[in-house]
Structures are given as structure tokens and as C-alpha cells.
Amino acid sequence: MKSAIFMTCLLIFAPDAANAALDGERAPAFQLADTNGAIVTLDSLLGKVVLLNFWATWCLPCREELPEFDRLYQKYRDSGLVVIGISVDTSGERVATFMKKRPVGFPVVTDTQGAVAEAYRFSGLPAAFLIGRDGVIVRRYRGSGKEMISLYEKDIEDLLKRD
């Protein structure tokens, strides 16, 4: 089963026409516990630029880009960026153990039931969504690689300059 799921990890950037309907829509709300048990809600982040990173501990490209998301968070958090890592693992304990070995500065929550991932209507990992200060999805991303990190950074800088 795990090898079949691993196959959904995407190694390159690819447009996702099925998700286009989310661009320009209000981001689906969620309430999930982080690895310390604290509740994180999207509604509490209105007024901030939010980068949601959907990932899993078994997805190699996802694990490789976590430090890059942390670098973006550290660089832009004082300007209003919040990064939330949303693991789609079915075990919160597995995610907490993983994060102890590879800590990041941003909150990591676990969507063990898959409800949040379903609400964001994406296929394959890694996947990310950039949300404006008004709670509206500005852009969705699918895939990984250095060119993706450059794209995230450009889009984050552009969005932070807007308000």
C-alpha cells in the first residue's frame, strides 16, 4: 500500500487543471492539532499571507523541501508570512517523531482523516497553496524542485508587497 501511495509523489512541476476552480476562492477553513497538541486554524491567520504545504513523511520530495519552506518562513515571517505544514500521514505520532528529528520553525499539523486535503482538491504530493491576507487562494502549486522554491519566493514577495 505504501509503495502505491508513494507513487503519487510528484517529482516535477505539473499544472493541475482540476484544481483551477480553487484559484480566487476563499481557502477552505480547517482546525487541526500541531505536533505539540496546539490547535491551528486558518481563520486565525486572516491578515497574514499563508503558505500551506501538504506533505507526508513517506514522500521523499516532500521531506527534501521542508528545509526550504523553513528558510522561506524564517526570511519572510516578520513581513507577514505564515507557513503551515499539513501532513497527510495517518499517524500523528509518526509525524511528531519525524519532526523531532527534522525540526522546522513553522507549525506542522496532521490531517489524519484527510478531510482538509479533500477540501483543497489536489492530487499528488507535494502540493502547496498560497493564500492572501483576505483568505483567498492566490495560487496553487504541485511538484517540487529548485525551480518551485524560486517560484514560491517570487510569489510570496509579490503578495507581501500588495498591502
N, C-alpha and C. Protein backbone atom coordinates (compact mmCIF):
# COMPACT_ATOMS: atom_id res chain seq x y z
N MET A 1 0.83 -1.19 0.00
CA MET A 1 0.00 0.00 0.00
C MET A 1 0.87 1.26 0.00
N LYS A 2 1.90 1.28 0.88
CA LYS A 2 2.74 2.46 0.97
C LYS A 2 3.43 2.75 -0.35
N SER A 3 3.87 1.71 -1.08
CA SER A 3 4.53 1.95 -2.36
C SER A 3 3.56 2.52 -3.38
N ALA A 4 2.30 2.11 -3.34
CA ALA A 4 1.30 2.68 -4.25
C ALA A 4 1.06 4.14 -3.92
N ILE A 5 1.02 4.46 -2.64
CA ILE A 5 0.82 5.84 -2.23
C ILE A 5 2.03 6.67 -2.60
N PHE A 6 3.23 6.12 -2.43
CA PHE A 6 4.45 6.84 -2.77
C PHE A 6 4.44 7.27 -4.23
N MET A 7 3.82 6.48 -5.08
CA MET A 7 3.79 6.80 -6.50
C MET A 7 3.06 8.11 -6.77
N THR A 8 2.23 8.57 -5.82
CA THR A 8 1.54 9.83 -6.02
C THR A 8 2.44 11.03 -5.79
N CYS A 9 3.62 10.82 -5.23
CA CYS A 9 4.57 11.92 -5.07
C CYS A 9 5.01 12.37 -6.46
N LEU A 10 4.98 13.64 -6.67
CA LEU A 10 5.36 14.18 -7.96
C LEU A 10 6.77 14.72 -7.87
N LEU A 11 7.57 14.43 -8.87
CA LEU A 11 8.96 14.86 -8.85
C LEU A 11 9.20 16.12 -9.66
N ILE A 12 8.24 16.51 -10.46
CA ILE A 12 8.40 17.71 -11.27
C ILE A 12 7.15 18.56 -11.16
N PHE A 13 7.27 19.82 -11.54
CA PHE A 13 6.12 20.71 -11.56
C PHE A 13 5.19 20.32 -12.69
N ALA A 14 3.91 20.28 -12.40
CA ALA A 14 2.93 19.98 -13.43
C ALA A 14 1.67 20.78 -13.15
N PRO A 15 1.09 21.43 -14.16
CA PRO A 15 -0.15 22.15 -13.93
C PRO A 15 -1.26 21.18 -13.56
N ASP A 16 -2.19 21.62 -12.76
CA ASP A 16 -3.26 20.76 -12.29
C ASP A 16 -4.58 21.43 -12.61
N ALA A 17 -5.11 21.17 -13.78
CA ALA A 17 -6.33 21.82 -14.25
C ALA A 17 -7.51 21.53 -13.35
N ALA A 18 -7.55 20.38 -12.72
CA ALA A 18 -8.67 20.03 -11.85
C ALA A 18 -8.75 20.96 -10.65
N ASN A 19 -7.64 21.54 -10.25
CA ASN A 19 -7.63 22.42 -9.09
C ASN A 19 -7.87 23.88 -9.45
N ALA A 20 -7.94 24.20 -10.71
CA ALA A 20 -8.06 25.60 -11.13
C ALA A 20 -9.26 26.28 -10.49
N ALA A 21 -10.30 25.52 -10.20
CA ALA A 21 -11.50 26.11 -9.62
C ALA A 21 -11.23 26.75 -8.26
N LEU A 22 -10.19 26.34 -7.56
CA LEU A 22 -9.89 26.91 -6.25
C LEU A 22 -9.23 28.28 -6.34
N ASP A 23 -8.51 28.57 -7.41
CA ASP A 23 -7.88 29.88 -7.53
C ASP A 23 -8.94 30.96 -7.46
N GLY A 24 -8.71 31.95 -6.61
CA GLY A 24 -9.64 33.05 -6.46
C GLY A 24 -10.78 32.77 -5.50
N GLU A 25 -10.85 31.58 -4.95
CA GLU A 25 -11.88 31.24 -3.98
C GLU A 25 -11.33 31.36 -2.57
N ARG A 26 -12.24 31.53 -1.62
CA ARG A 26 -11.83 31.55 -0.22
C ARG A 26 -11.25 30.17 0.13
N ALA A 27 -10.13 30.17 0.81
CA ALA A 27 -9.47 28.93 1.20
C ALA A 27 -10.36 28.17 2.19
N PRO A 28 -10.52 26.86 1.98
CA PRO A 28 -11.32 26.08 2.93
C PRO A 28 -10.73 26.16 4.34
N ALA A 29 -11.60 26.44 5.30
CA ALA A 29 -11.18 26.56 6.69
C ALA A 29 -10.79 25.19 7.24
N PHE A 30 -9.92 25.21 8.24
CA PHE A 30 -9.58 23.97 8.93
C PHE A 30 -9.19 24.27 10.36
N GLN A 31 -9.23 23.21 11.15
CA GLN A 31 -8.82 23.26 12.55
C GLN A 31 -8.13 21.93 12.82
N LEU A 32 -6.80 21.98 12.97
CA LEU A 32 -6.00 20.77 13.18
C LEU A 32 -5.01 20.99 14.30
N ALA A 33 -4.63 19.90 14.96
CA ALA A 33 -3.64 19.97 16.04
C ALA A 33 -2.24 19.89 15.47
N ASP A 34 -1.34 20.69 16.05
CA ASP A 34 0.07 20.60 15.63
C ASP A 34 0.76 19.49 16.42
N THR A 35 2.04 19.32 16.18
CA THR A 35 2.77 18.21 16.80
C THR A 35 2.91 18.36 18.32
N ASN A 36 2.58 19.55 18.85
CA ASN A 36 2.60 19.77 20.30
C ASN A 36 1.21 19.73 20.90
N GLY A 37 0.18 19.48 20.06
CA GLY A 37 -1.19 19.42 20.54
C GLY A 37 -1.95 20.73 20.47
N ALA A 38 -1.28 21.82 20.08
CA ALA A 38 -1.96 23.12 19.96
C ALA A 38 -2.83 23.12 18.69
N ILE A 39 -3.97 23.77 18.78
CA ILE A 39 -4.90 23.83 17.65
C ILE A 39 -4.51 24.99 16.74
N VAL A 40 -4.42 24.71 15.44
CA VAL A 40 -4.12 25.71 14.43
C VAL A 40 -5.35 25.84 13.55
N THR A 41 -5.83 27.08 13.36
CA THR A 41 -6.97 27.32 12.48
C THR A 41 -6.57 28.31 11.39
N LEU A 42 -7.10 28.09 10.22
CA LEU A 42 -6.82 29.02 9.13
C LEU A 42 -7.47 30.38 9.40
N ASP A 43 -8.66 30.37 9.99
CA ASP A 43 -9.36 31.63 10.27
C ASP A 43 -8.55 32.56 11.17
N SER A 44 -7.73 32.02 12.05
CA SER A 44 -6.93 32.85 12.96
C SER A 44 -5.80 33.57 12.23
N LEU A 45 -5.57 33.20 10.96
CA LEU A 45 -4.45 33.77 10.21
C LEU A 45 -4.87 34.85 9.22
N LEU A 46 -6.14 35.25 9.24
CA LEU A 46 -6.57 36.34 8.37
C LEU A 46 -5.70 37.56 8.63
N GLY A 47 -5.32 38.25 7.58
CA GLY A 47 -4.42 39.39 7.69
C GLY A 47 -2.97 39.01 7.44
N LYS A 48 -2.70 37.72 7.34
CA LYS A 48 -1.36 37.22 7.04
C LYS A 48 -1.36 36.58 5.66
N VAL A 49 -0.19 36.50 5.05
CA VAL A 49 -0.01 35.71 3.84
C VAL A 49 0.33 34.30 4.32
N VAL A 50 -0.40 33.31 3.81
CA VAL A 50 -0.24 31.93 4.30
C VAL A 50 0.19 31.03 3.16
N LEU A 51 1.20 30.23 3.44
CA LEU A 51 1.64 29.20 2.51
C LEU A 51 1.36 27.86 3.17
N LEU A 52 0.40 27.11 2.61
CA LEU A 52 0.08 25.77 3.09
C LEU A 52 0.90 24.78 2.30
N ASN A 53 1.60 23.91 3.00
CA ASN A 53 2.42 22.89 2.37
C ASN A 53 1.87 21.51 2.75
N PHE A 54 1.22 20.84 1.81
CA PHE A 54 0.73 19.47 2.02
C PHE A 54 1.87 18.51 1.73
N TRP A 55 2.13 17.59 2.65
CA TRP A 55 3.28 16.71 2.54
C TRP A 55 3.01 15.43 3.32
N ALA A 56 3.96 14.50 3.29
CA ALA A 56 3.89 13.27 4.07
C ALA A 56 5.30 12.79 4.40
N THR A 57 5.44 12.09 5.50
CA THR A 57 6.76 11.62 5.92
C THR A 57 7.33 10.60 4.94
N TRP A 58 6.49 9.88 4.22
CA TRP A 58 6.95 8.85 3.29
C TRP A 58 7.25 9.40 1.89
N CYS A 59 7.01 10.67 1.67
CA CYS A 59 7.22 11.30 0.36
C CYS A 59 8.60 11.97 0.33
N LEU A 60 9.54 11.37 -0.38
CA LEU A 60 10.91 11.89 -0.42
C LEU A 60 10.99 13.35 -0.89
N PRO A 61 10.34 13.74 -2.00
CA PRO A 61 10.41 15.15 -2.39
C PRO A 61 9.84 16.09 -1.33
N CYS A 62 8.80 15.63 -0.64
CA CYS A 62 8.22 16.43 0.44
C CYS A 62 9.23 16.67 1.55
N ARG A 63 9.90 15.60 1.96
CA ARG A 63 10.88 15.71 3.04
C ARG A 63 12.04 16.60 2.63
N GLU A 64 12.44 16.51 1.37
CA GLU A 64 13.57 17.31 0.90
C GLU A 64 13.28 18.80 0.87
N GLU A 65 12.01 19.18 0.66
CA GLU A 65 11.73 20.60 0.58
C GLU A 65 11.33 21.24 1.92
N LEU A 66 11.15 20.45 2.97
CA LEU A 66 10.84 21.04 4.28
C LEU A 66 11.85 22.10 4.72
N PRO A 67 13.16 21.85 4.60
CA PRO A 67 14.11 22.90 4.98
C PRO A 67 13.97 24.17 4.14
N GLU A 68 13.57 24.02 2.89
CA GLU A 68 13.38 25.20 2.03
C GLU A 68 12.16 26.01 2.47
N PHE A 69 11.09 25.31 2.87
CA PHE A 69 9.93 26.02 3.40
C PHE A 69 10.30 26.73 4.70
N ASP A 70 11.14 26.10 5.51
CA ASP A 70 11.58 26.73 6.75
C ASP A 70 12.42 27.98 6.45
N ARG A 71 13.27 27.90 5.44
CA ARG A 71 14.07 29.06 5.04
C ARG A 71 13.17 30.22 4.60
N LEU A 72 12.14 29.91 3.80
CA LEU A 72 11.19 30.94 3.37
C LEU A 72 10.47 31.54 4.57
N TYR A 73 10.06 30.68 5.48
CA TYR A 73 9.37 31.16 6.68
C TYR A 73 10.27 32.09 7.50
N GLN A 74 11.50 31.66 7.74
CA GLN A 74 12.43 32.48 8.53
C GLN A 74 12.70 33.83 7.85
N LYS A 75 12.79 33.81 6.53
CA LYS A 75 13.11 35.03 5.78
C LYS A 75 11.95 36.02 5.76
N TYR A 76 10.70 35.54 5.68
CA TYR A 76 9.56 36.42 5.45
C TYR A 76 8.56 36.51 6.59
N ARG A 77 8.78 35.81 7.68
CA ARG A 77 7.78 35.82 8.76
C ARG A 77 7.58 37.20 9.35
N ASP A 78 8.64 37.98 9.47
CA ASP A 78 8.49 39.33 10.02
C ASP A 78 7.76 40.27 9.08
N SER A 79 7.62 39.87 7.83
CA SER A 79 6.87 40.66 6.85
C SER A 79 5.42 40.20 6.75
N GLY A 80 5.07 39.15 7.46
CA GLY A 80 3.67 38.73 7.47
C GLY A 80 3.39 37.36 6.87
N LEU A 81 4.43 36.56 6.60
CA LEU A 81 4.22 35.22 6.05
C LEU A 81 4.08 34.20 7.17
N VAL A 82 3.10 33.31 7.01
CA VAL A 82 2.95 32.16 7.89
C VAL A 82 3.00 30.93 7.00
N VAL A 83 3.82 29.97 7.37
CA VAL A 83 3.86 28.68 6.68
C VAL A 83 3.23 27.66 7.61
N ILE A 84 2.35 26.84 7.06
CA ILE A 84 1.75 25.74 7.81
C ILE A 84 2.03 24.46 7.04
N GLY A 85 2.69 23.52 7.67
CA GLY A 85 2.90 22.21 7.07
C GLY A 85 1.73 21.32 7.44
N ILE A 86 1.05 20.76 6.45
CA ILE A 86 -0.08 19.87 6.70
C ILE A 86 0.30 18.47 6.22
N SER A 87 0.60 17.60 7.18
CA SER A 87 0.95 16.23 6.85
C SER A 87 -0.32 15.43 6.59
N VAL A 88 -0.28 14.62 5.55
CA VAL A 88 -1.42 13.75 5.25
C VAL A 88 -1.18 12.34 5.78
N ASP A 89 -0.17 12.17 6.62
CA ASP A 89 0.07 10.88 7.27
C ASP A 89 -1.14 10.51 8.11
N THR A 90 -1.37 9.22 8.28
CA THR A 90 -2.50 8.77 9.09
C THR A 90 -2.14 8.65 10.57
N SER A 91 -0.89 8.89 10.92
CA SER A 91 -0.45 8.79 12.31
C SER A 91 0.20 10.10 12.76
N GLY A 92 -0.46 10.77 13.69
CA GLY A 92 0.11 11.98 14.25
C GLY A 92 1.39 11.71 15.01
N GLU A 93 1.48 10.53 15.63
CA GLU A 93 2.69 10.16 16.36
C GLU A 93 3.89 10.03 15.43
N ARG A 94 3.66 9.45 14.26
CA ARG A 94 4.74 9.29 13.28
C ARG A 94 5.26 10.66 12.85
N VAL A 95 4.34 11.60 12.63
CA VAL A 95 4.73 12.94 12.21
C VAL A 95 5.51 13.64 13.33
N ALA A 96 5.03 13.51 14.57
CA ALA A 96 5.71 14.14 15.71
C ALA A 96 7.13 13.59 15.86
N THR A 97 7.29 12.28 15.72
CA THR A 97 8.62 11.66 15.81
C THR A 97 9.52 12.16 14.69
N PHE A 98 8.97 12.23 13.48
CA PHE A 98 9.74 12.71 12.32
C PHE A 98 10.19 14.15 12.56
N MET A 99 9.29 15.00 13.05
CA MET A 99 9.60 16.42 13.24
C MET A 99 10.63 16.64 14.35
N LYS A 100 10.72 15.74 15.30
CA LYS A 100 11.76 15.86 16.33
C LYS A 100 13.14 15.67 15.72
N LYS A 101 13.22 14.86 14.69
CA LYS A 101 14.50 14.62 14.01
C LYS A 101 14.81 15.71 12.99
N ARG A 102 13.78 16.33 12.44
CA ARG A 102 13.94 17.37 11.42
C ARG A 102 13.08 18.58 11.77
N PRO A 103 13.40 19.29 12.84
CA PRO A 103 12.55 20.40 13.28
C PRO A 103 12.54 21.57 12.29
N VAL A 104 11.40 22.25 12.26
CA VAL A 104 11.23 23.48 11.48
C VAL A 104 10.61 24.53 12.40
N GLY A 105 10.70 25.78 12.00
CA GLY A 105 10.18 26.87 12.81
C GLY A 105 8.70 27.12 12.66
N PHE A 106 8.10 26.58 11.63
CA PHE A 106 6.67 26.81 11.39
C PHE A 106 5.84 25.65 11.94
N PRO A 107 4.54 25.90 12.19
CA PRO A 107 3.68 24.83 12.72
C PRO A 107 3.48 23.71 11.70
N VAL A 108 3.48 22.49 12.20
CA VAL A 108 3.19 21.31 11.39
C VAL A 108 1.98 20.63 12.03
N VAL A 109 0.94 20.46 11.24
CA VAL A 109 -0.29 19.81 11.70
C VAL A 109 -0.48 18.52 10.93
N THR A 110 -1.35 17.65 11.44
CA THR A 110 -1.59 16.37 10.77
C THR A 110 -3.06 16.22 10.43
N ASP A 111 -3.32 15.96 9.18
CA ASP A 111 -4.67 15.75 8.66
C ASP A 111 -4.90 14.24 8.55
N THR A 112 -5.02 13.56 9.70
CA THR A 112 -5.07 12.10 9.72
C THR A 112 -6.30 11.54 9.01
N GLN A 113 -7.38 12.28 8.97
CA GLN A 113 -8.60 11.80 8.34
C GLN A 113 -8.68 12.19 6.86
N GLY A 114 -7.81 13.10 6.42
CA GLY A 114 -7.78 13.50 5.02
C GLY A 114 -8.85 14.51 4.63
N ALA A 115 -9.58 15.04 5.58
CA ALA A 115 -10.66 15.97 5.27
C ALA A 115 -10.16 17.30 4.69
N VAL A 116 -9.05 17.79 5.23
CA VAL A 116 -8.51 19.06 4.73
C VAL A 116 -7.94 18.87 3.33
N ALA A 117 -7.20 17.80 3.14
CA ALA A 117 -6.67 17.51 1.80
C ALA A 117 -7.80 17.39 0.79
N GLU A 118 -8.87 16.75 1.17
CA GLU A 118 -10.02 16.61 0.27
C GLU A 118 -10.65 17.96 -0.05
N ALA A 119 -10.73 18.83 0.95
CA ALA A 119 -11.32 20.15 0.74
C ALA A 119 -10.50 20.99 -0.24
N TYR A 120 -9.18 20.76 -0.26
CA TYR A 120 -8.30 21.51 -1.16
C TYR A 120 -8.18 20.88 -2.54
N ARG A 121 -8.79 19.74 -2.73
CA ARG A 121 -8.94 19.09 -4.04
C ARG A 121 -7.65 19.04 -4.86
N PHE A 122 -6.64 18.40 -4.34
CA PHE A 122 -5.40 18.22 -5.11
C PHE A 122 -5.13 16.74 -5.24
N SER A 123 -4.30 16.42 -6.21
CA SER A 123 -3.88 15.03 -6.37
C SER A 123 -2.36 15.01 -6.43
N GLY A 124 -1.76 14.14 -5.66
CA GLY A 124 -0.31 14.02 -5.66
C GLY A 124 0.35 14.96 -4.67
N LEU A 125 1.51 14.54 -4.23
CA LEU A 125 2.30 15.31 -3.29
C LEU A 125 3.68 15.55 -3.89
N PRO A 126 4.33 16.60 -3.49
CA PRO A 126 3.86 17.66 -2.62
C PRO A 126 2.90 18.60 -3.34
N ALA A 127 2.12 19.29 -2.54
CA ALA A 127 1.18 20.30 -3.05
C ALA A 127 1.21 21.48 -2.09
N ALA A 128 1.02 22.67 -2.61
CA ALA A 128 1.04 23.86 -1.77
C ALA A 128 0.02 24.87 -2.29
N PHE A 129 -0.42 25.73 -1.38
CA PHE A 129 -1.38 26.78 -1.72
C PHE A 129 -0.91 28.07 -1.08
N LEU A 130 -0.91 29.15 -1.85
CA LEU A 130 -0.58 30.47 -1.34
C LEU A 130 -1.88 31.23 -1.16
N ILE A 131 -2.10 31.73 0.05
CA ILE A 131 -3.35 32.37 0.41
C ILE A 131 -3.07 33.82 0.80
N GLY A 132 -3.83 34.74 0.25
CA GLY A 132 -3.65 36.16 0.53
C GLY A 132 -4.17 36.54 1.91
N ARG A 133 -3.91 37.77 2.29
CA ARG A 133 -4.31 38.28 3.59
C ARG A 133 -5.81 38.24 3.81
N ASP A 134 -6.56 38.23 2.69
CA ASP A 134 -8.02 38.19 2.76
C ASP A 134 -8.58 36.77 2.84
N GLY A 135 -7.71 35.77 2.87
CA GLY A 135 -8.16 34.38 2.98
C GLY A 135 -8.50 33.74 1.65
N VAL A 136 -8.16 34.39 0.54
CA VAL A 136 -8.46 33.88 -0.79
C VAL A 136 -7.21 33.21 -1.37
N ILE A 137 -7.42 32.07 -2.02
CA ILE A 137 -6.31 31.35 -2.64
C ILE A 137 -5.81 32.14 -3.85
N VAL A 138 -4.55 32.48 -3.83
CA VAL A 138 -3.92 33.23 -4.90
C VAL A 138 -3.32 32.28 -5.93
N ARG A 139 -2.72 31.20 -5.42
CA ARG A 139 -2.06 30.26 -6.33
C ARG A 139 -1.94 28.90 -5.68
N ARG A 140 -2.02 27.87 -6.51
CA ARG A 140 -1.77 26.51 -6.05
C ARG A 140 -0.57 25.97 -6.80
N TYR A 141 0.16 25.09 -6.14
CA TYR A 141 1.38 24.53 -6.70
C TYR A 141 1.33 23.01 -6.55
N ARG A 142 1.98 22.35 -7.48
CA ARG A 142 2.10 20.90 -7.39
C ARG A 142 3.47 20.53 -7.91
N GLY A 143 4.19 19.73 -7.15
CA GLY A 143 5.52 19.30 -7.56
C GLY A 143 6.59 19.84 -6.64
N SER A 144 7.84 19.58 -7.00
CA SER A 144 8.95 20.02 -6.17
C SER A 144 10.16 20.29 -7.05
N GLY A 145 11.18 20.83 -6.44
CA GLY A 145 12.41 21.13 -7.15
C GLY A 145 12.84 22.56 -6.91
N LYS A 146 14.08 22.86 -7.29
CA LYS A 146 14.61 24.20 -7.07
C LYS A 146 13.80 25.28 -7.76
N GLU A 147 13.30 24.98 -8.96
CA GLU A 147 12.50 25.98 -9.67
C GLU A 147 11.20 26.29 -8.93
N MET A 148 10.69 25.31 -8.20
CA MET A 148 9.48 25.55 -7.41
C MET A 148 9.77 26.49 -6.26
N ILE A 149 10.88 26.31 -5.59
CA ILE A 149 11.23 27.18 -4.46
C ILE A 149 11.39 28.62 -4.95
N SER A 150 12.01 28.81 -6.09
CA SER A 150 12.14 30.16 -6.67
C SER A 150 10.78 30.75 -6.98
N LEU A 151 9.89 29.93 -7.48
CA LEU A 151 8.53 30.40 -7.79
C LEU A 151 7.79 30.77 -6.52
N TYR A 152 7.88 29.94 -5.48
CA TYR A 152 7.25 30.28 -4.20
C TYR A 152 7.75 31.64 -3.72
N GLU A 153 9.08 31.80 -3.75
CA GLU A 153 9.67 33.02 -3.21
C GLU A 153 9.21 34.26 -3.99
N LYS A 154 9.19 34.17 -5.30
CA LYS A 154 8.72 35.29 -6.12
C LYS A 154 7.27 35.63 -5.81
N ASP A 155 6.42 34.61 -5.75
CA ASP A 155 5.00 34.84 -5.47
C ASP A 155 4.78 35.39 -4.07
N ILE A 156 5.54 34.90 -3.09
CA ILE A 156 5.43 35.41 -1.72
C ILE A 156 5.83 36.88 -1.67
N GLU A 157 6.95 37.21 -2.29
CA GLU A 157 7.40 38.61 -2.30
C GLU A 157 6.36 39.51 -2.95
N ASP A 158 5.81 39.08 -4.09
CA ASP A 158 4.78 39.87 -4.77
C ASP A 158 3.55 40.07 -3.88
N LEU A 159 3.12 39.03 -3.22
CA LEU A 159 1.92 39.11 -2.39
C LEU A 159 2.15 39.95 -1.13
N LEU A 160 3.33 39.84 -0.54
CA LEU A 160 3.63 40.63 0.66
C LEU A 160 3.68 42.12 0.35
N LYS A 161 4.02 42.48 -0.89
CA LYS A 161 4.10 43.88 -1.29
C LYS A 161 2.73 44.51 -1.50
N ARG A 162 1.70 43.70 -1.68
CA ARG A 162 0.37 44.21 -2.02
C ARG A 162 -0.26 45.06 -0.95
N ASP A 163 -0.08 44.73 0.30
CA ASP A 163 -0.76 45.52 1.34
C ASP A 163 0.21 46.20 2.23
